[in-house]
Amino acid sequence: MHPFRFGIFPYITLRGMEYHLSNSSEYPELPRVAVGAIVFHEDRILLVLRGKPPAEGLWSIPGGSVELGETLQEAAEREIYEETDLVIRAGEPVFTFDSVDRDDKGDVRFHYVIIDLIADYVSGSPRAGDDALDAGWFTPEELKNMELSPMTRRLCSAVLPPNAFPLPED
């Protein structure tokens, strides 16, 4: 039995600071590690419509939190299956960023360090699951008219062929 999982030791001390361990992603004591998978199939990219904050209502690269003991690849494969019903083979990290969301008082509501991995499509048809409202394959042309999360827009601009998905003017 792991003592942290069952509340026997609900606090951890790190660099002289005491932190309450919580499974909640809202108002965390520490940043959470998450993964995404960049999956292409037949010249289309896989995206999900987020049903929960912090990117609620926006299309983004599918993924989620890394669980204790998982490698980045294992987490990406599990999360993509849970969110889209697709089987993938996750590769190496290609894009990393922070996602910090603050509430009206300035408190950190969410803080993720997100590592996106390139992945190969193996099998399945996209079907929304877990916290995704929708899932599908999209061409660069279709992406131009979609409500994308800011980092997904930046990522698409970086990984798609030149001029296929230019960033909008600021």
C-alpha atoms as a PDB file:
ATOM      1  CA  MET A   1       0.000   0.000   0.000  1.00  0.00           C
ATOM      2  CA  HIS A   2       1.449   3.364  -1.026  1.00  0.00           C
ATOM      3  CA  PRO A   3       0.931   5.788   1.916  1.00  0.00           C
ATOM      4  CA  PHE A   4       0.258   8.868  -0.256  1.00  0.00           C
ATOM      5  CA  ARG A   5      -2.571   7.202  -2.182  1.00  0.00           C
ATOM      6  CA  PHE A   6      -4.622   6.456   0.919  1.00  0.00           C
ATOM      7  CA  GLY A   7      -4.222   9.692   2.833  1.00  0.00           C
ATOM      8  CA  ILE A   8      -1.867   8.332   5.478  1.00  0.00           C
ATOM      9  CA  PHE A   9       0.629  11.092   4.609  1.00  0.00           C
ATOM     10  CA  PRO A  10      -1.455  13.869   3.048  1.00  0.00           C
ATOM     11  CA  TYR A  11       1.465  16.325   3.046  1.00  0.00           C
ATOM     12  CA  ILE A  12       4.904  16.340   1.494  1.00  0.00           C
ATOM     13  CA  THR A  13       7.838  18.599   2.348  1.00  0.00           C
ATOM     14  CA  LEU A  14       9.879  19.857  -0.573  1.00  0.00           C
ATOM     15  CA  ARG A  15      12.721  22.340  -0.174  1.00  0.00           C
ATOM     16  CA  GLY A  16      11.456  23.314   3.257  1.00  0.00           C
ATOM     17  CA  MET A  17       7.889  23.991   2.051  1.00  0.00           C
ATOM     18  CA  GLU A  18       4.974  21.777   3.028  1.00  0.00           C
ATOM     19  CA  TYR A  19       2.506  20.835   0.277  1.00  0.00           C
ATOM     20  CA  HIS A  20      -0.877  19.152   0.608  1.00  0.00           C
ATOM     21  CA  LEU A  21      -1.161  16.291  -1.846  1.00  0.00           C
ATOM     22  CA  SER A  22      -4.366  16.362  -3.825  1.00  0.00           C
ATOM     23  CA  ASN A  23      -5.759  14.465  -6.799  1.00  0.00           C
ATOM     24  CA  SER A  24      -7.569  17.600  -7.961  1.00  0.00           C
ATOM     25  CA  SER A  25      -6.139  19.441 -10.947  1.00  0.00           C
ATOM     26  CA  GLU A  26      -7.838  22.669  -9.819  1.00  0.00           C
ATOM     27  CA  TYR A  27      -5.862  24.959  -7.501  1.00  0.00           C
ATOM     28  CA  PRO A  28      -2.815  22.689  -7.337  1.00  0.00           C
ATOM     29  CA  GLU A  29       0.086  23.042  -4.939  1.00  0.00           C
ATOM     30  CA  LEU A  30       2.526  21.986  -7.666  1.00  0.00           C
ATOM     31  CA  PRO A  31       2.418  21.909 -11.479  1.00  0.00           C
ATOM     32  CA  ARG A  32       1.063  18.711 -13.045  1.00  0.00           C
ATOM     33  CA  VAL A  33       2.783  16.891 -15.893  1.00  0.00           C
ATOM     34  CA  ALA A  34       0.603  16.167 -18.905  1.00  0.00           C
ATOM     35  CA  VAL A  35       1.134  14.765 -22.375  1.00  0.00           C
ATOM     36  CA  GLY A  36      -0.431  15.255 -25.766  1.00  0.00           C
ATOM     37  CA  ALA A  37      -0.098  13.222 -28.934  1.00  0.00           C
ATOM     38  CA  ILE A  38       0.313  14.761 -32.373  1.00  0.00           C
ATOM     39  CA  VAL A  39      -1.242  12.171 -34.666  1.00  0.00           C
ATOM     40  CA  PHE A  40      -1.569  12.416 -38.451  1.00  0.00           C
ATOM     41  CA  HIS A  41      -3.605  10.096 -40.663  1.00  0.00           C
ATOM     42  CA  GLU A  42      -4.290  10.565 -44.378  1.00  0.00           C
ATOM     43  CA  ASP A  43      -2.959  14.160 -44.301  1.00  0.00           C
ATOM     44  CA  ARG A  44      -5.207  15.111 -41.380  1.00  0.00           C
ATOM     45  CA  ILE A  45      -4.409  15.897 -37.748  1.00  0.00           C
ATOM     46  CA  LEU A  46      -6.306  14.483 -34.776  1.00  0.00           C
ATOM     47  CA  LEU A  47      -7.995  17.030 -32.479  1.00  0.00           C
ATOM     48  CA  VAL A  48     -10.516  16.911 -29.632  1.00  0.00           C
ATOM     49  CA  LEU A  49     -13.059  19.465 -28.483  1.00  0.00           C
ATOM     50  CA  ARG A  50     -12.401  20.023 -24.779  1.00  0.00           C
ATOM     51  CA  GLY A  51     -15.359  19.626 -22.437  1.00  0.00           C
ATOM     52  CA  LYS A  52     -13.636  20.825 -19.251  1.00  0.00           C
ATOM     53  CA  PRO A  53     -11.350  23.691 -18.236  1.00  0.00           C
ATOM     54  CA  PRO A  54      -8.764  24.924 -18.801  1.00  0.00           C
ATOM     55  CA  ALA A  55      -9.393  24.707 -22.583  1.00  0.00           C
ATOM     56  CA  GLU A  56     -13.147  24.086 -22.396  1.00  0.00           C
ATOM     57  CA  GLY A  57     -14.913  24.675 -25.713  1.00  0.00           C
ATOM     58  CA  LEU A  58     -11.687  24.761 -27.746  1.00  0.00           C
ATOM     59  CA  TRP A  59     -10.199  22.246 -30.132  1.00  0.00           C
ATOM     60  CA  SER A  60      -6.794  20.931 -29.080  1.00  0.00           C
ATOM     61  CA  ILE A  61      -4.294  18.126 -29.330  1.00  0.00           C
ATOM     62  CA  PRO A  62      -5.662  15.164 -27.316  1.00  0.00           C
ATOM     63  CA  GLY A  63      -3.936  14.151 -24.113  1.00  0.00           C
ATOM     64  CA  GLY A  64      -4.005  14.423 -20.353  1.00  0.00           C
ATOM     65  CA  SER A  65      -2.187  13.875 -17.084  1.00  0.00           C
ATOM     66  CA  VAL A  66       0.667  11.449 -16.597  1.00  0.00           C
ATOM     67  CA  GLU A  67      -0.114   8.912 -13.895  1.00  0.00           C
ATOM     68  CA  LEU A  68       2.427   7.742 -11.335  1.00  0.00           C
ATOM     69  CA  GLY A  69       4.733   5.126 -12.851  1.00  0.00           C
ATOM     70  CA  GLU A  70       3.814   5.823 -16.494  1.00  0.00           C
ATOM     71  CA  THR A  71       6.324   6.793 -19.126  1.00  0.00           C
ATOM     72  CA  LEU A  72       5.405   9.741 -21.337  1.00  0.00           C
ATOM     73  CA  GLN A  73       4.668   7.304 -24.165  1.00  0.00           C
ATOM     74  CA  GLU A  74       2.440   5.078 -22.018  1.00  0.00           C
ATOM     75  CA  ALA A  75       0.518   8.106 -20.762  1.00  0.00           C
ATOM     76  CA  ALA A  76      -0.004   9.449 -24.295  1.00  0.00           C
ATOM     77  CA  GLU A  77      -1.210   6.086 -25.598  1.00  0.00           C
ATOM     78  CA  ARG A  78      -3.634   5.675 -22.668  1.00  0.00           C
ATOM     79  CA  GLU A  79      -4.962   9.232 -22.831  1.00  0.00           C
ATOM     80  CA  ILE A  80      -5.540   9.168 -26.581  1.00  0.00           C
ATOM     81  CA  TYR A  81      -7.412   5.872 -26.274  1.00  0.00           C
ATOM     82  CA  GLU A  82      -9.556   7.258 -23.420  1.00  0.00           C
ATOM     83  CA  GLU A  83     -10.363  10.500 -25.262  1.00  0.00           C
ATOM     84  CA  THR A  84     -10.713   9.261 -28.846  1.00  0.00           C
ATOM     85  CA  ASP A  85     -10.971   5.439 -28.870  1.00  0.00           C
ATOM     86  CA  LEU A  86      -7.911   5.371 -31.162  1.00  0.00           C
ATOM     87  CA  VAL A  87      -4.872   3.155 -30.761  1.00  0.00           C
ATOM     88  CA  ILE A  88      -1.603   4.991 -31.357  1.00  0.00           C
ATOM     89  CA  ARG A  89       2.098   4.342 -30.933  1.00  0.00           C
ATOM     90  CA  ALA A  90       3.658   7.320 -29.169  1.00  0.00           C
ATOM     91  CA  GLY A  91       7.132   8.470 -30.142  1.00  0.00           C
ATOM     92  CA  GLU A  92       9.458  11.158 -28.907  1.00  0.00           C
ATOM     93  CA  PRO A  93       8.627  14.598 -27.429  1.00  0.00           C
ATOM     94  CA  VAL A  94       8.552  17.384 -30.029  1.00  0.00           C
ATOM     95  CA  PHE A  95       6.846  20.329 -28.301  1.00  0.00           C
ATOM     96  CA  THR A  96       6.776  21.432 -24.643  1.00  0.00           C
ATOM     97  CA  PHE A  97       4.957  24.320 -22.982  1.00  0.00           C
ATOM     98  CA  ASP A  98       3.385  25.604 -19.767  1.00  0.00           C
ATOM     99  CA  SER A  99      -0.334  26.113 -19.367  1.00  0.00           C
ATOM    100  CA  VAL A 100      -1.117  28.363 -16.413  1.00  0.00           C
ATOM    101  CA  ASP A 101      -4.693  29.523 -15.847  1.00  0.00           C
ATOM    102  CA  ARG A 102      -5.492  32.060 -13.119  1.00  0.00           C
ATOM    103  CA  ASP A 103      -8.863  32.912 -11.603  1.00  0.00           C
ATOM    104  CA  ASP A 104     -10.254  36.448 -11.162  1.00  0.00           C
ATOM    105  CA  LYS A 105      -8.261  36.880  -7.922  1.00  0.00           C
ATOM    106  CA  GLY A 106      -5.011  35.909  -9.602  1.00  0.00           C
ATOM    107  CA  ASP A 107      -4.743  32.519  -7.899  1.00  0.00           C
ATOM    108  CA  VAL A 108      -3.453  29.652 -10.033  1.00  0.00           C
ATOM    109  CA  ARG A 109      -6.473  27.566 -10.975  1.00  0.00           C
ATOM    110  CA  PHE A 110      -4.574  25.152 -13.254  1.00  0.00           C
ATOM    111  CA  HIS A 111      -0.887  24.677 -13.949  1.00  0.00           C
ATOM    112  CA  TYR A 112       0.274  22.022 -16.389  1.00  0.00           C
ATOM    113  CA  VAL A 113       3.634  21.367 -17.965  1.00  0.00           C
ATOM    114  CA  ILE A 114       2.580  19.746 -21.240  1.00  0.00           C
ATOM    115  CA  ILE A 115       4.831  17.571 -23.349  1.00  0.00           C
ATOM    116  CA  ASP A 116       3.508  16.782 -26.824  1.00  0.00           C
ATOM    117  CA  LEU A 117       4.823  13.641 -28.498  1.00  0.00           C
ATOM    118  CA  ILE A 118       4.703  12.700 -32.147  1.00  0.00           C
ATOM    119  CA  ALA A 119       2.655   9.531 -32.594  1.00  0.00           C
ATOM    120  CA  ASP A 120       1.719   7.012 -35.251  1.00  0.00           C
ATOM    121  CA  TYR A 121      -1.908   6.121 -35.914  1.00  0.00           C
ATOM    122  CA  VAL A 122      -2.443   2.358 -35.460  1.00  0.00           C
ATOM    123  CA  SER A 123      -6.200   1.722 -35.575  1.00  0.00           C
ATOM    124  CA  GLY A 124      -9.715   2.900 -34.791  1.00  0.00           C
ATOM    125  CA  SER A 125     -12.154   5.660 -35.684  1.00  0.00           C
ATOM    126  CA  PRO A 126     -12.314   8.842 -33.597  1.00  0.00           C
ATOM    127  CA  ARG A 127     -15.071   8.808 -31.000  1.00  0.00           C
ATOM    128  CA  ALA A 128     -15.229  11.333 -28.158  1.00  0.00           C
ATOM    129  CA  GLY A 129     -14.680   9.930 -24.690  1.00  0.00           C
ATOM    130  CA  ASP A 130     -13.515  10.948 -21.221  1.00  0.00           C
ATOM    131  CA  ASP A 131     -13.588  14.796 -21.085  1.00  0.00           C
ATOM    132  CA  ALA A 132     -13.697  15.304 -24.877  1.00  0.00           C
ATOM    133  CA  LEU A 133     -16.987  16.487 -26.407  1.00  0.00           C
ATOM    134  CA  ASP A 134     -15.949  15.603 -29.953  1.00  0.00           C
ATOM    135  CA  ALA A 135     -12.963  14.129 -31.775  1.00  0.00           C
ATOM    136  CA  GLY A 136     -11.945  14.002 -35.399  1.00  0.00           C
ATOM    137  CA  TRP A 137      -9.408  14.263 -38.189  1.00  0.00           C
ATOM    138  CA  PHE A 138      -8.965  17.712 -39.747  1.00  0.00           C
ATOM    139  CA  THR A 139      -7.130  19.126 -42.758  1.00  0.00           C
ATOM    140  CA  PRO A 140      -5.002  22.270 -42.460  1.00  0.00           C
ATOM    141  CA  GLU A 141      -7.711  24.121 -44.411  1.00  0.00           C
ATOM    142  CA  GLU A 142     -10.419  23.098 -41.911  1.00  0.00           C
ATOM    143  CA  LEU A 143      -8.243  24.206 -38.980  1.00  0.00           C
ATOM    144  CA  LYS A 144      -8.190  27.792 -40.209  1.00  0.00           C
ATOM    145  CA  ASN A 145     -11.876  28.244 -39.266  1.00  0.00           C
ATOM    146  CA  MET A 146     -11.860  26.324 -35.974  1.00  0.00           C
ATOM    147  CA  GLU A 147     -11.710  27.626 -32.419  1.00  0.00           C
ATOM    148  CA  LEU A 148      -8.289  26.247 -31.474  1.00  0.00           C
ATOM    149  CA  SER A 149      -6.513  26.607 -28.157  1.00  0.00           C
ATOM    150  CA  PRO A 150      -3.660  29.124 -28.526  1.00  0.00           C
ATOM    151  CA  MET A 151      -0.939  26.509 -28.106  1.00  0.00           C
ATOM    152  CA  THR A 152      -2.611  24.123 -30.554  1.00  0.00           C
ATOM    153  CA  ARG A 153      -2.678  26.958 -33.092  1.00  0.00           C
ATOM    154  CA  ARG A 154       1.035  27.574 -32.489  1.00  0.00           C
ATOM    155  CA  LEU A 155       1.837  23.865 -32.656  1.00  0.00           C
ATOM    156  CA  CYS A 156      -0.088  23.409 -35.920  1.00  0.00           C
ATOM    157  CA  SER A 157       1.788  26.337 -37.405  1.00  0.00           C
ATOM    158  CA  ALA A 158       5.069  24.688 -36.426  1.00  0.00           C
ATOM    159  CA  VAL A 159       4.380  21.103 -37.538  1.00  0.00           C
ATOM    160  CA  LEU A 160       2.249  21.500 -40.656  1.00  0.00           C
ATOM    161  CA  PRO A 161       3.836  22.209 -44.063  1.00  0.00           C
ATOM    162  CA  PRO A 162       4.967  25.827 -44.637  1.00  0.00           C
ATOM    163  CA  ASN A 163       2.100  28.181 -45.496  1.00  0.00           C
ATOM    164  CA  ALA A 164      -0.499  25.452 -44.820  1.00  0.00           C
ATOM    165  CA  PHE A 165      -1.407  27.021 -41.522  1.00  0.00           C
ATOM    166  CA  PRO A 166      -0.040  30.547 -41.040  1.00  0.00           C
ATOM    167  CA  LEU A 167      -0.392  32.187 -37.649  1.00  0.00           C
ATOM    168  CA  PRO A 168      -2.902  35.053 -37.601  1.00  0.00           C
ATOM    169  CA  GLU A 169      -1.537  38.567 -37.356  1.00  0.00           C
ATOM    170  CA  ASP A 170      -1.381  39.928 -33.783  1.00  0.00           C
END
